[in-house]
N, C-alpha and C. Protein backbone atom coordinates (compact mmCIF):
# COMPACT_ATOMS: atom_id res chain seq x y z
N MET A 1 -31.99 -82.72 150.57
CA MET A 1 -31.56 -84.16 150.55
C MET A 1 -30.64 -84.20 151.22
N MET A 2 -29.43 -82.93 150.56
CA MET A 2 -28.34 -83.01 151.24
C MET A 2 -28.02 -82.92 153.15
N LYS A 3 -29.01 -82.60 153.76
CA LYS A 3 -29.45 -83.30 155.11
C LYS A 3 -29.46 -84.33 155.84
N THR A 4 -30.59 -84.74 154.68
CA THR A 4 -30.85 -85.89 154.66
C THR A 4 -29.55 -87.30 155.03
N ASN A 5 -28.83 -86.82 153.72
CA ASN A 5 -27.94 -87.29 153.82
C ASN A 5 -27.06 -87.17 155.03
N VAL A 6 -26.13 -85.82 155.25
CA VAL A 6 -25.14 -86.45 155.92
C VAL A 6 -25.46 -86.87 157.39
N LEU A 7 -27.62 -86.55 157.59
CA LEU A 7 -27.91 -87.18 158.82
C LEU A 7 -27.85 -88.81 159.01
N LYS A 8 -28.08 -89.28 157.96
CA LYS A 8 -28.24 -90.71 157.53
C LYS A 8 -26.66 -91.24 157.84
N SER A 9 -25.51 -90.02 157.23
CA SER A 9 -24.19 -90.98 157.19
C SER A 9 -23.14 -90.46 158.81
N ALA A 10 -24.47 -89.57 159.99
CA ALA A 10 -23.71 -89.83 160.82
C ALA A 10 -24.75 -90.04 161.88
N LEU A 11 -25.92 -90.96 162.02
CA LEU A 11 -26.38 -91.32 163.10
C LEU A 11 -26.01 -93.27 163.05
N THR A 12 -26.55 -92.90 161.71
CA THR A 12 -26.46 -94.93 160.99
C THR A 12 -25.46 -95.66 162.15
N PRO A 13 -23.70 -95.28 161.96
CA PRO A 13 -23.29 -95.75 162.56
C PRO A 13 -23.26 -95.71 163.59
N ILE A 14 -23.50 -94.62 164.55
CA ILE A 14 -23.53 -94.29 166.07
C ILE A 14 -24.80 -95.23 166.25
N VAL A 15 -25.78 -95.15 165.94
CA VAL A 15 -26.55 -95.93 166.46
C VAL A 15 -26.57 -97.63 166.65
N ALA A 16 -25.75 -97.81 165.21
CA ALA A 16 -25.26 -99.29 165.66
C ALA A 16 -24.02 -99.59 165.91
N ILE A 17 -23.07 -98.77 166.19
CA ILE A 17 -22.09 -98.75 167.02
C ILE A 17 -22.77 -98.99 168.90
N LEU A 18 -23.75 -98.09 168.90
CA LEU A 18 -24.62 -98.00 170.58
C LEU A 18 -25.30 -99.54 170.48
N LEU A 19 -25.54 -100.24 169.72
CA LEU A 19 -26.52 -101.54 169.59
C LEU A 19 -25.51 -102.35 170.17
N CYS A 20 -24.04 -102.26 169.42
CA CYS A 20 -23.54 -103.90 169.62
C CYS A 20 -22.78 -103.10 171.00
N CYS A 21 -22.93 -101.75 171.68
CA CYS A 21 -21.82 -101.44 173.34
C CYS A 21 -23.20 -101.89 173.60
N VAL A 22 -24.40 -102.07 173.26
CA VAL A 22 -25.16 -102.51 174.72
C VAL A 22 -25.08 -104.36 174.79
N LEU A 23 -24.89 -104.75 173.54
CA LEU A 23 -25.18 -106.06 173.38
C LEU A 23 -23.90 -106.56 174.76
N TYR A 24 -22.66 -105.96 174.48
CA TYR A 24 -21.43 -106.08 174.89
C TYR A 24 -21.71 -106.49 176.05
N LEU A 25 -22.50 -105.05 176.91
CA LEU A 25 -22.76 -104.98 178.52
C LEU A 25 -23.92 -105.57 178.60
N SER A 26 -24.80 -106.39 177.92
CA SER A 26 -25.71 -107.15 178.67
C SER A 26 -25.12 -108.18 178.91
N GLY A 27 -23.73 -108.74 178.58
CA GLY A 27 -23.33 -110.43 178.59
C GLY A 27 -23.35 -110.66 177.03
N HIS A 28 -24.00 -110.51 176.19
CA HIS A 28 -24.52 -111.55 175.10
C HIS A 28 -23.73 -111.32 173.62
N PHE A 29 -22.61 -110.40 173.99
CA PHE A 29 -22.41 -110.22 173.24
C PHE A 29 -21.26 -110.99 172.20
N GLN A 30 -21.95 -111.16 170.45
CA GLN A 30 -21.27 -112.25 170.03
C GLN A 30 -21.15 -111.69 168.70
N VAL A 31 -19.76 -111.74 168.35
CA VAL A 31 -19.30 -110.90 166.68
C VAL A 31 -20.76 -111.50 165.88
N LEU A 32 -20.83 -112.75 166.26
CA LEU A 32 -22.05 -113.43 164.85
C LEU A 32 -23.87 -112.23 165.32
N PHE A 33 -23.33 -111.85 166.41
CA PHE A 33 -24.93 -111.18 166.34
C PHE A 33 -24.60 -109.73 166.06
N ALA A 34 -23.30 -109.24 166.35
CA ALA A 34 -22.58 -107.71 165.93
C ALA A 34 -22.80 -107.74 164.46
N VAL A 35 -22.25 -108.58 163.61
CA VAL A 35 -22.05 -108.47 162.31
C VAL A 35 -23.64 -107.51 161.87
N PRO A 36 -24.49 -108.60 161.58
CA PRO A 36 -25.84 -108.54 161.26
C PRO A 36 -26.19 -106.44 161.25
N ILE A 37 -26.09 -106.09 161.98
CA ILE A 37 -25.90 -104.81 163.02
C ILE A 37 -25.44 -104.24 161.96
N VAL A 38 -24.28 -104.18 161.99
CA VAL A 38 -23.35 -103.70 160.72
C VAL A 38 -23.66 -103.53 159.72
N LEU A 39 -23.60 -105.03 159.10
CA LEU A 39 -24.04 -105.16 157.58
C LEU A 39 -25.46 -104.08 157.26
N LEU A 40 -26.23 -104.40 158.28
CA LEU A 40 -27.32 -103.61 157.84
C LEU A 40 -27.57 -101.79 157.51
N ALA A 41 -26.12 -101.61 159.06
CA ALA A 41 -25.95 -100.62 158.63
C ALA A 41 -25.64 -99.94 157.50
N SER A 42 -24.19 -100.32 157.65
CA SER A 42 -23.91 -100.05 156.20
C SER A 42 -24.61 -99.99 154.24
N ARG A 43 -25.59 -101.22 154.34
CA ARG A 43 -27.01 -101.06 153.89
C ARG A 43 -27.58 -99.70 153.24
N ILE A 44 -27.81 -99.38 155.37
CA ILE A 44 -29.01 -97.95 155.21
C ILE A 44 -27.83 -96.59 154.45
N GLU A 45 -26.75 -96.72 154.69
CA GLU A 45 -25.73 -95.69 154.59
C GLU A 45 -25.18 -96.25 153.09
N TYR A 46 -24.94 -96.80 152.92
CA TYR A 46 -24.54 -97.18 151.55
C TYR A 46 -25.09 -97.83 149.79
N GLY A 47 -26.32 -97.68 150.20
CA GLY A 47 -27.16 -98.60 149.46
C GLY A 47 -26.51 -100.27 149.19
N LYS A 48 -26.44 -100.56 148.19
CA LYS A 48 -25.97 -101.36 146.62
C LYS A 48 -24.51 -101.93 147.21
N GLU A 49 -24.22 -100.78 147.74
CA GLU A 49 -22.21 -100.29 147.90
C GLU A 49 -21.94 -100.73 148.79
N LEU A 50 -22.67 -101.58 150.10
CA LEU A 50 -22.51 -101.85 151.66
C LEU A 50 -21.59 -103.00 151.27
N PHE A 51 -20.84 -103.47 150.44
CA PHE A 51 -20.04 -104.63 150.51
C PHE A 51 -18.71 -103.84 150.61
N ALA A 52 -18.94 -102.62 149.13
CA ALA A 52 -17.35 -102.21 148.77
C ALA A 52 -17.25 -101.02 149.79
N SER A 53 -17.82 -100.67 150.27
CA SER A 53 -17.83 -99.60 151.65
C SER A 53 -17.07 -100.71 152.93
N LEU A 54 -17.09 -101.99 152.90
CA LEU A 54 -16.61 -102.52 153.73
C LEU A 54 -15.22 -102.83 153.46
N GLY A 55 -14.70 -102.99 152.12
CA GLY A 55 -13.29 -103.41 151.75
C GLY A 55 -13.06 -104.62 151.23
N PHE A 56 -14.75 -105.09 150.44
CA PHE A 56 -14.43 -106.24 149.89
C PHE A 56 -14.78 -105.72 148.22
N GLN A 57 -13.61 -105.75 147.51
CA GLN A 57 -13.40 -105.14 146.25
C GLN A 57 -12.52 -106.23 144.70
N ARG A 58 -13.58 -105.83 144.27
CA ARG A 58 -13.23 -107.42 143.67
C ARG A 58 -12.34 -107.60 143.09
N HIS A 59 -11.64 -106.54 141.75
CA HIS A 59 -10.59 -106.55 141.33
C HIS A 59 -9.32 -107.50 142.44
N ARG A 60 -9.23 -107.08 143.96
CA ARG A 60 -8.67 -107.69 144.83
C ARG A 60 -8.76 -109.66 145.24
N LEU A 61 -10.28 -109.50 144.88
CA LEU A 61 -10.36 -111.61 144.96
C LEU A 61 -9.43 -112.25 144.32
N LYS A 62 -7.88 -112.33 144.60
CA LYS A 62 -7.24 -113.29 143.29
C LYS A 62 -6.99 -115.05 144.35
N ALA A 63 -6.59 -115.64 143.93
CA ALA A 63 -6.24 -117.03 144.40
C ALA A 63 -4.77 -116.95 145.02
N LEU A 64 -3.44 -115.88 144.47
CA LEU A 64 -2.56 -115.86 144.77
C LEU A 64 -2.31 -114.81 146.16
N ASN A 65 -3.43 -113.79 146.39
CA ASN A 65 -3.24 -113.31 147.49
C ASN A 65 -3.60 -114.27 148.74
N LEU A 66 -5.10 -114.72 148.18
CA LEU A 66 -5.50 -115.32 149.52
C LEU A 66 -5.15 -116.59 149.71
N LEU A 67 -4.53 -117.36 149.17
CA LEU A 67 -3.96 -118.84 149.23
C LEU A 67 -2.70 -119.49 149.17
N VAL A 68 -1.98 -118.24 148.91
CA VAL A 68 -0.14 -118.51 148.80
C VAL A 68 0.01 -116.96 149.64
N ILE A 69 -0.07 -116.10 149.00
CA ILE A 69 0.74 -114.70 150.01
C ILE A 69 -0.14 -114.97 151.51
N ALA A 70 -1.45 -115.12 151.92
CA ALA A 70 -1.79 -114.66 152.83
C ALA A 70 -1.52 -115.78 154.14
N PRO A 71 -1.64 -116.53 153.52
CA PRO A 71 -1.33 -118.22 154.80
C PRO A 71 0.69 -117.88 155.16
N LEU A 72 1.09 -117.54 154.11
CA LEU A 72 2.54 -117.02 154.39
C LEU A 72 2.54 -116.03 155.61
N VAL A 73 2.65 -115.36 155.08
CA VAL A 73 2.32 -114.23 156.53
C VAL A 73 1.32 -114.78 157.53
N ALA A 74 0.63 -115.11 157.34
CA ALA A 74 -0.17 -115.45 158.84
C ALA A 74 1.19 -116.57 159.83
N GLY A 75 1.68 -117.75 158.47
CA GLY A 75 2.94 -118.27 159.03
C GLY A 75 3.83 -117.68 160.17
N VAL A 76 3.87 -116.74 159.25
CA VAL A 76 5.57 -115.35 160.18
C VAL A 76 5.11 -115.26 161.43
N MET A 77 3.67 -114.66 161.01
CA MET A 77 2.67 -113.60 161.80
C MET A 77 2.35 -114.83 163.27
N PHE A 78 1.88 -116.28 163.37
CA PHE A 78 1.81 -117.52 164.26
C PHE A 78 3.55 -117.10 165.35
N ILE A 79 4.04 -117.30 163.83
CA ILE A 79 5.85 -117.63 164.68
C ILE A 79 6.44 -116.55 165.46
N VAL A 80 6.14 -115.43 165.37
CA VAL A 80 6.07 -114.55 165.87
C VAL A 80 5.98 -113.93 167.27
N TYR A 81 4.41 -114.82 167.13
CA TYR A 81 3.45 -114.81 168.12
C TYR A 81 3.22 -115.95 168.91
N LEU A 82 3.97 -116.92 168.78
CA LEU A 82 4.57 -118.24 169.56
C LEU A 82 6.10 -117.80 170.59
N TYR A 83 6.87 -117.25 169.60
CA TYR A 83 7.97 -117.22 170.01
C TYR A 83 8.84 -116.23 170.27
N VAL A 84 7.82 -114.60 170.37
CA VAL A 84 8.14 -113.06 170.88
C VAL A 84 7.26 -113.16 171.34
N LEU A 85 5.82 -112.92 171.19
CA LEU A 85 5.15 -112.17 172.13
C LEU A 85 4.73 -112.75 173.08
N ILE A 86 4.75 -113.64 173.07
CA ILE A 86 3.66 -114.97 173.93
C ILE A 86 5.14 -114.87 175.33
N PRO A 87 6.30 -115.15 175.02
CA PRO A 87 7.05 -115.11 175.82
C PRO A 87 7.51 -113.98 176.44
N GLY A 88 7.47 -113.35 176.05
CA GLY A 88 7.95 -111.36 176.10
C GLY A 88 6.90 -110.60 176.92
N VAL A 89 5.77 -110.26 176.12
CA VAL A 89 4.28 -110.04 176.95
C VAL A 89 4.45 -111.01 178.33
N THR A 90 4.17 -112.12 178.22
CA THR A 90 4.50 -113.42 179.74
C THR A 90 5.80 -112.71 180.72
N TYR A 91 6.76 -112.48 180.76
CA TYR A 91 7.62 -111.97 181.11
C TYR A 91 7.57 -110.43 181.79
N LEU A 92 6.65 -109.78 180.77
CA LEU A 92 6.09 -108.68 181.18
C LEU A 92 5.60 -108.42 182.28
N THR A 93 3.84 -108.77 182.46
CA THR A 93 2.86 -109.29 183.26
C THR A 93 3.29 -110.44 183.92
N GLY A 94 4.12 -111.41 184.40
CA GLY A 94 4.42 -112.09 185.58
C GLY A 94 2.95 -113.34 185.54
N LYS A 95 2.57 -113.03 184.62
CA LYS A 95 1.29 -114.58 183.84
C LYS A 95 1.16 -114.73 182.53
N PRO A 96 0.39 -116.23 182.72
CA PRO A 96 0.35 -116.44 181.21
C PRO A 96 -0.81 -116.18 180.54
N ILE A 97 -1.45 -116.82 179.51
CA ILE A 97 -1.97 -116.32 179.04
C ILE A 97 -3.25 -117.62 179.69
N ASP A 98 -3.95 -117.23 179.67
CA ASP A 98 -5.53 -118.33 180.47
C ASP A 98 -5.69 -118.90 179.02
N PHE A 99 -5.12 -120.70 178.37
CA PHE A 99 -5.95 -121.16 177.81
C PHE A 99 -6.94 -122.00 177.78
N SER A 100 -7.39 -122.15 178.72
CA SER A 100 -8.56 -123.55 179.83
C SER A 100 -9.26 -123.09 179.16
N GLU A 101 -10.10 -122.37 178.38
CA GLU A 101 -11.07 -122.26 177.84
C GLU A 101 -11.06 -123.53 176.42
N PHE A 102 -10.00 -123.47 175.53
CA PHE A 102 -9.63 -124.78 175.17
C PHE A 102 -8.86 -125.81 175.52
N GLU A 103 -8.89 -126.28 176.59
CA GLU A 103 -8.16 -127.23 177.08
C GLU A 103 -9.47 -128.87 175.96
N VAL A 104 -10.33 -127.88 176.26
CA VAL A 104 -11.80 -129.32 175.93
C VAL A 104 -11.23 -130.11 174.72
N TYR A 105 -10.66 -129.46 173.74
CA TYR A 105 -10.08 -129.09 172.08
C TYR A 105 -8.81 -130.50 171.82
N LYS A 106 -8.01 -130.26 173.04
CA LYS A 106 -6.87 -131.07 172.81
C LYS A 106 -7.33 -132.77 172.07
N GLY A 107 -6.76 -132.97 171.09
CA GLY A 107 -7.32 -134.29 170.84
C GLY A 107 -8.39 -134.98 170.49
N ASN A 108 -9.50 -134.03 170.36
CA ASN A 108 -10.50 -134.54 169.97
C ASN A 108 -10.65 -133.52 168.61
N LEU A 109 -10.73 -134.34 168.09
CA LEU A 109 -11.00 -134.24 166.72
C LEU A 109 -12.23 -133.72 166.20
N PRO A 110 -13.88 -134.11 166.58
CA PRO A 110 -14.91 -133.87 166.14
C PRO A 110 -15.07 -132.22 166.79
N ALA A 111 -14.33 -132.24 167.83
CA ALA A 111 -14.50 -130.67 168.63
C ALA A 111 -13.53 -129.45 167.82
N ILE A 112 -12.40 -130.38 167.29
CA ILE A 112 -11.75 -129.14 166.32
C ILE A 112 -12.30 -129.09 165.10
N LEU A 113 -12.37 -129.96 164.96
CA LEU A 113 -13.14 -128.94 163.77
C LEU A 113 -14.82 -128.30 163.62
N GLY A 114 -15.35 -128.47 164.64
CA GLY A 114 -16.24 -127.47 164.87
C GLY A 114 -16.00 -126.22 165.18
N LEU A 115 -14.74 -126.26 165.72
CA LEU A 115 -14.09 -124.54 165.81
C LEU A 115 -13.81 -124.38 165.07
N PHE A 116 -13.08 -125.19 163.83
CA PHE A 116 -12.50 -124.70 163.00
C PHE A 116 -13.48 -123.59 162.00
N VAL A 117 -15.21 -124.11 161.88
CA VAL A 117 -16.16 -123.73 160.70
C VAL A 117 -16.27 -122.77 162.14
N TYR A 118 -16.41 -122.58 162.94
CA TYR A 118 -16.90 -121.21 164.30
C TYR A 118 -16.21 -120.07 163.80
N VAL A 119 -14.73 -120.70 163.75
CA VAL A 119 -13.73 -119.62 163.96
C VAL A 119 -13.52 -119.01 162.50
N TRP A 120 -13.30 -119.76 161.28
CA TRP A 120 -13.76 -119.03 159.54
C TRP A 120 -14.86 -118.25 160.33
N ALA A 121 -15.95 -118.72 160.36
CA ALA A 121 -17.03 -118.20 160.44
C ALA A 121 -17.37 -116.50 161.56
N SER A 122 -16.52 -116.75 162.80
CA SER A 122 -17.13 -115.26 163.71
C SER A 122 -15.86 -114.42 163.70
N ALA A 123 -14.25 -115.36 164.00
CA ALA A 123 -13.02 -114.49 163.63
C ALA A 123 -13.04 -114.10 162.45
N ALA A 124 -12.24 -114.71 161.81
CA ALA A 124 -12.13 -114.76 160.26
C ALA A 124 -12.95 -113.40 159.81
N PHE A 125 -14.13 -113.84 159.64
CA PHE A 125 -15.19 -113.15 158.58
C PHE A 125 -15.88 -112.22 159.41
N GLY A 126 -16.31 -112.77 160.65
CA GLY A 126 -16.73 -111.78 161.64
C GLY A 126 -16.06 -110.70 162.05
N GLU A 127 -14.62 -111.01 162.69
CA GLU A 127 -14.28 -109.80 163.28
C GLU A 127 -13.31 -108.93 162.38
N GLU A 128 -12.90 -109.21 161.29
CA GLU A 128 -12.57 -108.66 160.22
C GLU A 128 -13.65 -107.75 159.64
N ILE A 129 -15.51 -108.33 159.01
CA ILE A 129 -15.79 -107.07 158.84
C ILE A 129 -16.17 -106.48 160.08
N LEU A 130 -16.32 -106.54 161.29
CA LEU A 130 -16.64 -105.62 162.27
C LEU A 130 -15.68 -105.00 162.89
N PHE A 131 -14.11 -105.28 163.11
CA PHE A 131 -13.40 -104.39 163.60
C PHE A 131 -12.06 -103.70 162.36
N ARG A 132 -11.64 -104.30 161.44
CA ARG A 132 -12.09 -103.69 159.94
C ARG A 132 -12.66 -103.18 158.78
N GLY A 133 -13.44 -103.89 158.54
CA GLY A 133 -14.29 -103.25 157.57
C GLY A 133 -15.46 -101.77 157.84
N TYR A 134 -16.00 -102.54 158.95
CA TYR A 134 -16.88 -101.74 159.37
C TYR A 134 -16.11 -99.94 161.02
N LEU A 135 -15.81 -100.56 161.48
CA LEU A 135 -15.22 -100.02 162.49
C LEU A 135 -14.17 -98.77 161.65
N MET A 136 -12.72 -99.46 161.24
CA MET A 136 -12.06 -99.12 160.70
C MET A 136 -12.62 -98.60 159.10
N ARG A 137 -13.16 -98.29 158.88
CA ARG A 137 -13.65 -97.40 157.71
C ARG A 137 -14.22 -96.54 158.41
N GLN A 138 -15.05 -96.74 159.33
CA GLN A 138 -16.45 -95.41 159.95
C GLN A 138 -15.43 -93.87 160.36
N PHE A 139 -13.87 -94.75 161.13
CA PHE A 139 -12.89 -93.96 162.03
C PHE A 139 -12.94 -92.75 160.75
N ILE A 140 -12.04 -93.52 159.32
CA ILE A 140 -11.67 -92.73 158.50
C ILE A 140 -12.69 -91.99 158.43
N LYS A 141 -13.98 -92.26 158.01
CA LYS A 141 -14.92 -91.14 157.49
C LYS A 141 -15.28 -89.85 158.13
N PHE A 142 -15.15 -90.61 159.25
CA PHE A 142 -15.20 -89.09 160.22
C PHE A 142 -14.66 -88.61 160.27
N PHE A 143 -12.71 -89.09 160.64
CA PHE A 143 -11.71 -88.13 161.54
C PHE A 143 -10.39 -88.08 160.18
N GLY A 144 -10.59 -88.89 158.71
CA GLY A 144 -10.20 -88.94 157.89
C GLY A 144 -9.12 -89.57 157.77
N ASP A 145 -7.83 -89.59 156.69
CA ASP A 145 -7.17 -90.77 156.71
C ASP A 145 -5.73 -90.14 156.73
N GLY A 146 -5.13 -89.25 157.37
CA GLY A 146 -3.86 -88.04 157.56
C GLY A 146 -3.21 -89.06 159.15
N ARG A 147 -1.64 -89.19 158.77
CA ARG A 147 -1.12 -89.96 159.37
C ARG A 147 -1.46 -89.93 161.44
N VAL A 148 -1.77 -88.87 162.07
CA VAL A 148 -2.05 -88.91 163.34
C VAL A 148 -3.45 -89.94 163.42
N ALA A 149 -4.49 -89.58 162.41
CA ALA A 149 -5.78 -90.06 162.60
C ALA A 149 -5.52 -91.74 162.28
N ILE A 150 -4.86 -92.20 161.52
CA ILE A 150 -4.46 -93.51 161.03
C ILE A 150 -3.84 -94.56 162.42
N VAL A 151 -2.77 -93.63 163.10
CA VAL A 151 -2.06 -93.94 163.73
C VAL A 151 -3.42 -94.08 165.39
N LEU A 152 -4.06 -93.22 165.43
CA LEU A 152 -5.00 -92.99 166.60
C LEU A 152 -5.93 -94.39 166.45
N ASN A 153 -6.04 -94.65 164.70
CA ASN A 153 -7.34 -95.69 164.65
C ASN A 153 -6.72 -96.96 164.42
N ILE A 154 -5.36 -96.85 164.50
CA ILE A 154 -4.92 -98.63 164.58
C ILE A 154 -5.22 -98.57 166.29
N VAL A 155 -4.09 -98.05 166.81
CA VAL A 155 -4.32 -98.18 168.33
C VAL A 155 -5.34 -99.22 169.03
N LEU A 156 -5.98 -97.31 168.23
CA LEU A 156 -7.74 -97.86 169.39
C LEU A 156 -8.25 -99.16 169.19
N PHE A 157 -8.76 -99.44 168.17
CA PHE A 157 -9.26 -100.31 167.12
C PHE A 157 -8.61 -101.86 167.40
N GLY A 158 -7.01 -101.63 168.06
CA GLY A 158 -5.86 -102.64 168.08
C GLY A 158 -6.74 -103.21 169.79
N ALA A 159 -6.51 -102.21 170.57
CA ALA A 159 -6.59 -102.01 172.45
C ALA A 159 -8.07 -102.62 172.49
N LEU A 160 -8.96 -101.86 171.85
CA LEU A 160 -10.46 -101.90 171.44
C LEU A 160 -10.55 -104.30 170.87
N PHE A 161 -9.46 -104.94 170.02
CA PHE A 161 -9.77 -105.82 170.23
C PHE A 161 -9.31 -107.32 170.99
N GLY A 162 -8.42 -106.54 170.98
CA GLY A 162 -7.98 -106.93 173.09
C GLY A 162 -9.03 -107.19 173.55
N TRP A 163 -9.16 -106.42 173.84
CA TRP A 163 -10.42 -105.46 175.33
C TRP A 163 -11.31 -107.09 175.10
N ILE A 164 -11.44 -107.40 174.09
CA ILE A 164 -12.94 -108.12 173.84
C ILE A 164 -11.93 -109.90 173.89
N HIS A 165 -11.10 -110.46 174.52
CA HIS A 165 -10.62 -111.27 174.15
C HIS A 165 -10.24 -111.56 176.03
N ALA A 166 -10.84 -110.88 176.78
CA ALA A 166 -10.80 -110.71 178.04
C ALA A 166 -10.78 -112.23 178.99
N TYR A 167 -10.81 -113.15 178.27
CA TYR A 167 -11.29 -114.68 178.40
C TYR A 167 -9.90 -114.96 178.84
N GLN A 168 -8.91 -114.50 178.52
CA GLN A 168 -7.39 -115.05 177.84
C GLN A 168 -6.49 -114.58 179.21
N GLY A 169 -7.32 -113.51 179.98
CA GLY A 169 -6.05 -112.52 180.67
C GLY A 169 -5.23 -111.88 180.23
N ILE A 170 -5.01 -110.67 181.43
CA ILE A 170 -4.12 -109.80 180.66
C ILE A 170 -3.64 -109.99 179.69
N THR A 171 -2.58 -111.02 179.97
CA THR A 171 -1.47 -111.17 178.58
C THR A 171 -2.15 -111.72 177.62
N GLY A 172 -3.15 -112.38 177.23
CA GLY A 172 -3.88 -112.08 176.18
C GLY A 172 -4.32 -111.08 175.90
N GLN A 173 -4.88 -110.87 176.70
CA GLN A 173 -5.51 -109.20 175.89
C GLN A 173 -4.11 -108.29 174.98
N ILE A 174 -3.78 -108.10 175.65
CA ILE A 174 -2.27 -107.27 175.15
C ILE A 174 -1.83 -108.14 174.26
N ILE A 175 -1.62 -108.95 173.91
CA ILE A 175 -0.91 -110.31 172.59
C ILE A 175 -1.76 -110.00 171.85
N THR A 176 -3.47 -110.06 172.06
CA THR A 176 -4.43 -109.66 171.30
C THR A 176 -4.27 -108.34 170.63
N GLY A 177 -4.21 -107.82 171.25
CA GLY A 177 -3.97 -105.90 170.96
C GLY A 177 -3.29 -105.87 170.17
N ILE A 178 -2.20 -106.09 170.58
CA ILE A 178 -0.88 -106.11 169.47
C ILE A 178 -1.28 -106.80 167.85
N ILE A 179 -1.92 -108.35 167.95
CA ILE A 179 -1.76 -108.76 166.72
C ILE A 179 -3.59 -107.97 165.78
N GLY A 180 -3.92 -107.77 166.58
CA GLY A 180 -5.34 -106.54 166.61
C GLY A 180 -4.57 -105.40 165.60
N ALA A 181 -3.55 -104.91 165.97
CA ALA A 181 -2.96 -103.28 165.98
C ALA A 181 -2.19 -103.73 164.37
N THR A 182 -1.61 -105.09 163.71
CA THR A 182 -0.80 -105.63 163.05
C THR A 182 -1.81 -105.64 161.81
N MET A 183 -3.41 -106.30 162.28
CA MET A 183 -3.61 -106.79 161.05
C MET A 183 -4.85 -105.19 160.35
N ALA A 184 -4.54 -104.28 161.42
CA ALA A 184 -5.47 -103.02 161.30
C ALA A 184 -4.54 -101.95 160.18
N THR A 185 -2.94 -102.60 160.85
CA THR A 185 -1.89 -102.29 160.12
C THR A 185 -1.38 -102.42 158.32
N ILE A 186 -1.76 -103.84 158.05
CA ILE A 186 -2.06 -104.17 157.05
C ILE A 186 -3.24 -104.21 156.37
N PHE A 187 -4.43 -103.99 156.69
CA PHE A 187 -5.58 -103.14 156.30
C PHE A 187 -5.21 -102.24 155.32
N TYR A 188 -5.00 -101.10 156.53
CA TYR A 188 -4.37 -100.08 155.97
C TYR A 188 -3.73 -99.71 154.88
N PHE A 189 -2.46 -100.50 154.68
CA PHE A 189 -1.23 -100.86 153.73
C PHE A 189 -1.88 -101.38 152.09
N ARG A 190 -2.88 -102.22 152.80
CA ARG A 190 -3.18 -102.66 151.30
C ARG A 190 -4.42 -101.86 150.25
N LYS A 191 -4.87 -100.61 150.93
CA LYS A 191 -5.63 -100.27 150.60
C LYS A 191 -6.87 -100.55 151.41
N TYR A 192 -7.13 -101.27 152.66
CA TYR A 192 -9.06 -101.90 152.63
C TYR A 192 -8.83 -102.97 152.43
N ASP A 193 -8.48 -103.54 152.21
CA ASP A 193 -8.61 -105.20 151.35
C ASP A 193 -8.83 -105.88 152.29
N ILE A 194 -10.48 -106.14 152.52
CA ILE A 194 -10.84 -106.90 153.35
C ILE A 194 -11.16 -108.51 153.47
N TRP A 195 -10.87 -109.00 152.28
CA TRP A 195 -10.57 -110.35 151.90
C TRP A 195 -9.34 -111.15 152.72
N PHE A 196 -8.17 -109.74 152.55
CA PHE A 196 -7.16 -110.40 152.16
C PHE A 196 -7.05 -111.06 153.96
N CYS A 197 -7.39 -110.06 154.86
CA CYS A 197 -7.59 -109.68 156.26
C CYS A 197 -8.31 -111.02 157.00
N ILE A 198 -9.43 -111.39 156.49
CA ILE A 198 -10.43 -112.48 156.09
C ILE A 198 -9.11 -113.89 156.06
N ALA A 199 -8.26 -113.76 155.17
CA ALA A 199 -8.19 -114.78 155.01
C ALA A 199 -6.92 -115.19 155.77
N LEU A 200 -6.05 -113.80 155.81
CA LEU A 200 -4.57 -113.85 157.12
C LEU A 200 -5.24 -114.10 157.90
N HIS A 201 -6.41 -113.49 159.12
CA HIS A 201 -7.30 -114.13 159.95
C HIS A 201 -7.12 -115.90 160.46
N GLY A 202 -8.55 -116.18 159.23
CA GLY A 202 -8.37 -117.47 159.15
C GLY A 202 -7.38 -118.45 159.28
N PHE A 203 -6.04 -118.32 158.36
CA PHE A 203 -4.90 -119.07 158.53
C PHE A 203 -4.47 -118.73 159.57
N PHE A 204 -3.85 -117.93 160.05
CA PHE A 204 -3.53 -118.11 161.68
C PHE A 204 -4.18 -118.56 162.66
N ASP A 205 -5.49 -118.25 163.33
CA ASP A 205 -5.96 -118.89 163.78
C ASP A 205 -6.00 -120.72 163.59
N THR A 206 -5.92 -121.34 161.86
CA THR A 206 -6.28 -122.13 161.66
C THR A 206 -5.02 -123.03 162.01
N ILE A 207 -4.02 -122.18 162.02
CA ILE A 207 -2.49 -123.04 162.97
C ILE A 207 -2.47 -123.16 163.97
N ALA A 208 -3.26 -121.62 164.99
CA ALA A 208 -3.62 -122.35 166.07
C ALA A 208 -4.60 -123.01 166.40
N LEU A 209 -5.35 -123.41 165.43
CA LEU A 209 -6.33 -124.77 165.94
C LEU A 209 -5.23 -126.24 165.82
N VAL A 210 -4.09 -126.39 164.60
CA VAL A 210 -3.25 -127.58 165.02
C VAL A 210 -2.64 -127.82 165.99
N PHE A 211 -1.87 -126.57 166.37
CA PHE A 211 -1.23 -126.75 167.45
C PHE A 211 -1.82 -127.05 169.11
N MET A 212 -3.04 -126.40 169.17
CA MET A 212 -4.59 -126.86 169.94
C MET A 212 -4.41 -128.37 170.11
N TYR A 213 -5.11 -128.46 168.97
CA TYR A 213 -5.05 -129.99 168.86
C TYR A 213 -4.10 -131.00 169.42
N TYR A 214 -2.77 -130.87 169.60
CA TYR A 214 -1.80 -131.30 169.74
C TYR A 214 -1.39 -131.50 170.79
N GLY A 215 -2.00 -129.84 171.15
CA GLY A 215 -1.64 -129.52 172.90
C GLY A 215 -0.10 -129.22 173.21
N ILE A 216 0.30 -128.37 171.96
CA ILE A 216 1.00 -127.73 171.73
C ILE A 216 1.38 -126.22 172.45
């Protein structure tokens, strides 16, 4: 029985990650497709504890954290993003972020509302479950949470988070990687509270949508 559990614990995440890689390399990768894979993998590995294994902690589900602190932190992060990261990284690379994909949303209220729903489902819930809840936690399971392991964990998945945002160009990838590493650091210091990271990510992107709508 012990050998079976060890085998399941080792093979299940490997298979799940390989399936996500195949999706990405096929050009059909969408976070909303990857999330069911990691949820199923967590169900196989942890059974009824699948949500707890991803960081969904009941005692952390508090209005103050999700509706007050998370939006405030998101606002601070967005100010740093807009006035420090964008000009700083653009200066270093010599290339502006490619925001052309979002031009259609400028002044387009129905489109921006549709994107708002998609952003909360795919980016806030989807990306946080995939990158923080699953990949970070699996890394910790295999390599522990020592200082070196945590730094590698944050850097690795921050870089991966930036990489999948290639449509924003090299500047956008670097900045998104920094944001991803920041989110990973917050996830770690909040003792793997996925609820907070989902709220933080969602409010950060919501602020971005407002700026996008007004063409700022």
